[in-house]
């Protein structure tokens, strides 16, 4: 598995975690903020990896 694939997989896992929290009716601003921060960092890293691949 490449770094890009691992980052994309983690991004999908975090999105699924958010969906599951919504399905379970979990409303925690702190939880959502922490996951959003992880997604932001992950997407930044993905952008850097994609840029390197070009």
N, C-alpha and C. Protein backbone atom coordinates (compact mmCIF):
# COMPACT_ATOMS: atom_id res chain seq x y z
N UNK A 1 0.85 -1.17 0.00
CA UNK A 1 0.00 0.00 0.00
C UNK A 1 0.90 1.24 0.00
N UNK A 2 0.56 2.17 -0.85
CA UNK A 2 1.34 3.41 -0.91
C UNK A 2 0.87 4.37 0.18
N UNK A 3 1.67 5.40 0.40
CA UNK A 3 1.31 6.43 1.37
C UNK A 3 -0.02 7.08 0.96
N UNK A 4 -0.15 7.35 -0.31
CA UNK A 4 -1.39 7.98 -0.79
C UNK A 4 -2.60 7.09 -0.50
N UNK A 5 -2.46 5.81 -0.77
CA UNK A 5 -3.57 4.88 -0.52
C UNK A 5 -3.90 4.81 0.97
N UNK A 6 -2.88 4.81 1.81
CA UNK A 6 -3.10 4.76 3.25
C UNK A 6 -3.82 6.02 3.74
N UNK A 7 -3.42 7.17 3.22
CA UNK A 7 -4.07 8.43 3.60
C UNK A 7 -5.52 8.46 3.12
N UNK A 8 -5.75 8.00 1.90
CA UNK A 8 -7.12 7.98 1.37
C UNK A 8 -7.99 7.02 2.17
N UNK A 9 -7.41 5.89 2.58
CA UNK A 9 -8.17 4.92 3.39
C UNK A 9 -8.52 5.54 4.74
N UNK A 10 -7.57 6.21 5.36
CA UNK A 10 -7.83 6.85 6.66
C UNK A 10 -8.89 7.95 6.53
N UNK A 11 -8.83 8.70 5.43
CA UNK A 11 -9.84 9.73 5.19
C UNK A 11 -11.23 9.09 5.13
N UNK A 12 -11.34 7.99 4.41
CA UNK A 12 -12.63 7.31 4.29
C UNK A 12 -13.10 6.80 5.65
N UNK A 13 -12.18 6.29 6.45
CA UNK A 13 -12.53 5.80 7.78
C UNK A 13 -13.06 6.93 8.67
N UNK A 14 -12.43 8.08 8.59
CA UNK A 14 -12.89 9.22 9.39
C UNK A 14 -14.26 9.69 8.94
N UNK A 15 -14.49 9.71 7.64
CA UNK A 15 -15.81 10.10 7.13
C UNK A 15 -16.88 9.11 7.58
N UNK A 16 -16.54 7.83 7.57
CA UNK A 16 -17.48 6.81 8.04
C UNK A 16 -17.74 6.96 9.54
N UNK A 17 -16.71 7.32 10.29
CA UNK A 17 -16.87 7.56 11.73
C UNK A 17 -17.84 8.70 11.98
N UNK A 18 -17.72 9.78 11.22
CA UNK A 18 -18.66 10.89 11.35
C UNK A 18 -20.09 10.46 11.01
N UNK A 19 -20.22 9.69 9.94
CA UNK A 19 -21.54 9.19 9.55
C UNK A 19 -22.15 8.31 10.64
N UNK A 20 -21.33 7.45 11.21
CA UNK A 20 -21.80 6.55 12.27
C UNK A 20 -22.23 7.35 13.49
N UNK A 21 -21.46 8.37 13.84
CA UNK A 21 -21.82 9.21 14.98
C UNK A 21 -23.16 9.90 14.74
N UNK A 22 -23.37 10.37 13.52
CA UNK A 22 -24.65 11.01 13.19
C UNK A 22 -25.79 10.00 13.26
N UNK A 23 -25.53 8.79 12.75
CA UNK A 23 -26.55 7.74 12.77
C UNK A 23 -26.93 7.39 14.20
N UNK A 24 -25.94 7.41 15.10
CA UNK A 24 -26.21 7.10 16.51
C UNK A 24 -26.69 8.31 17.29
N UNK A 25 -26.85 9.42 16.58
CA UNK A 25 -27.35 10.65 17.17
C UNK A 25 -26.39 11.22 18.23
N UNK A 26 -25.10 11.10 17.94
CA UNK A 26 -24.08 11.64 18.82
C UNK A 26 -23.83 13.09 18.40
N UNK A 27 -24.09 14.00 19.31
CA UNK A 27 -23.89 15.41 19.02
C UNK A 27 -22.90 15.98 20.02
N UNK A 28 -21.65 15.91 19.65
CA UNK A 28 -20.59 16.43 20.51
C UNK A 28 -19.73 17.36 19.67
N UNK A 29 -19.76 18.62 20.02
CA UNK A 29 -18.97 19.60 19.28
C UNK A 29 -17.49 19.26 19.38
N UNK A 30 -17.06 18.79 20.54
CA UNK A 30 -15.65 18.45 20.72
C UNK A 30 -15.26 17.28 19.82
N UNK A 31 -16.10 16.25 19.76
CA UNK A 31 -15.84 15.10 18.90
C UNK A 31 -15.76 15.52 17.45
N UNK A 32 -16.75 16.28 16.99
CA UNK A 32 -16.77 16.72 15.61
C UNK A 32 -15.57 17.61 15.29
N UNK A 33 -15.19 18.44 16.23
CA UNK A 33 -14.04 19.31 16.04
C UNK A 33 -12.75 18.50 15.92
N UNK A 34 -12.59 17.49 16.75
CA UNK A 34 -11.40 16.66 16.70
C UNK A 34 -11.31 15.89 15.38
N UNK A 35 -12.42 15.34 14.94
CA UNK A 35 -12.42 14.59 13.68
C UNK A 35 -12.18 15.56 12.52
N UNK A 36 -12.78 16.72 12.57
CA UNK A 36 -12.58 17.72 11.51
C UNK A 36 -11.11 18.14 11.44
N UNK A 37 -10.47 18.29 12.59
CA UNK A 37 -9.06 18.66 12.61
C UNK A 37 -8.21 17.55 11.99
N UNK A 38 -8.55 16.30 12.28
CA UNK A 38 -7.82 15.19 11.68
C UNK A 38 -8.01 15.17 10.16
N UNK A 39 -9.24 15.40 9.73
CA UNK A 39 -9.52 15.43 8.30
C UNK A 39 -8.76 16.55 7.60
N UNK A 40 -8.70 17.70 8.24
CA UNK A 40 -7.98 18.84 7.66
C UNK A 40 -6.50 18.50 7.48
N UNK A 41 -5.89 17.95 8.51
CA UNK A 41 -4.48 17.58 8.42
C UNK A 41 -4.25 16.49 7.40
N UNK A 42 -5.13 15.53 7.38
CA UNK A 42 -5.03 14.42 6.44
C UNK A 42 -5.16 14.91 5.00
N UNK A 43 -6.10 15.78 4.76
CA UNK A 43 -6.29 16.30 3.41
C UNK A 43 -5.11 17.17 2.97
N UNK A 44 -4.52 17.87 3.92
CA UNK A 44 -3.32 18.65 3.61
C UNK A 44 -2.18 17.70 3.21
N UNK A 45 -2.01 16.64 3.97
CA UNK A 45 -0.98 15.65 3.66
C UNK A 45 -1.24 15.01 2.31
N UNK A 46 -2.49 14.69 2.03
CA UNK A 46 -2.84 14.10 0.73
C UNK A 46 -2.49 15.05 -0.41
N UNK A 47 -2.77 16.33 -0.20
CA UNK A 47 -2.43 17.33 -1.22
C UNK A 47 -0.94 17.37 -1.48
N UNK A 48 -0.15 17.27 -0.43
CA UNK A 48 1.31 17.27 -0.59
C UNK A 48 1.78 16.03 -1.33
N UNK A 49 1.20 14.88 -0.98
CA UNK A 49 1.57 13.63 -1.65
C UNK A 49 1.21 13.70 -3.13
N UNK A 50 0.02 14.18 -3.43
CA UNK A 50 -0.41 14.28 -4.83
C UNK A 50 0.50 15.22 -5.61
N UNK A 51 0.89 16.32 -4.97
CA UNK A 51 1.77 17.29 -5.61
C UNK A 51 3.13 16.65 -5.93
N UNK A 52 3.63 15.84 -5.00
CA UNK A 52 4.90 15.15 -5.20
C UNK A 52 4.82 14.15 -6.34
N UNK A 53 3.66 13.53 -6.51
CA UNK A 53 3.47 12.53 -7.55
C UNK A 53 3.47 13.14 -8.95
N UNK A 54 3.18 14.41 -9.04
CA UNK A 54 3.09 15.06 -10.35
C UNK A 54 4.44 15.29 -10.97
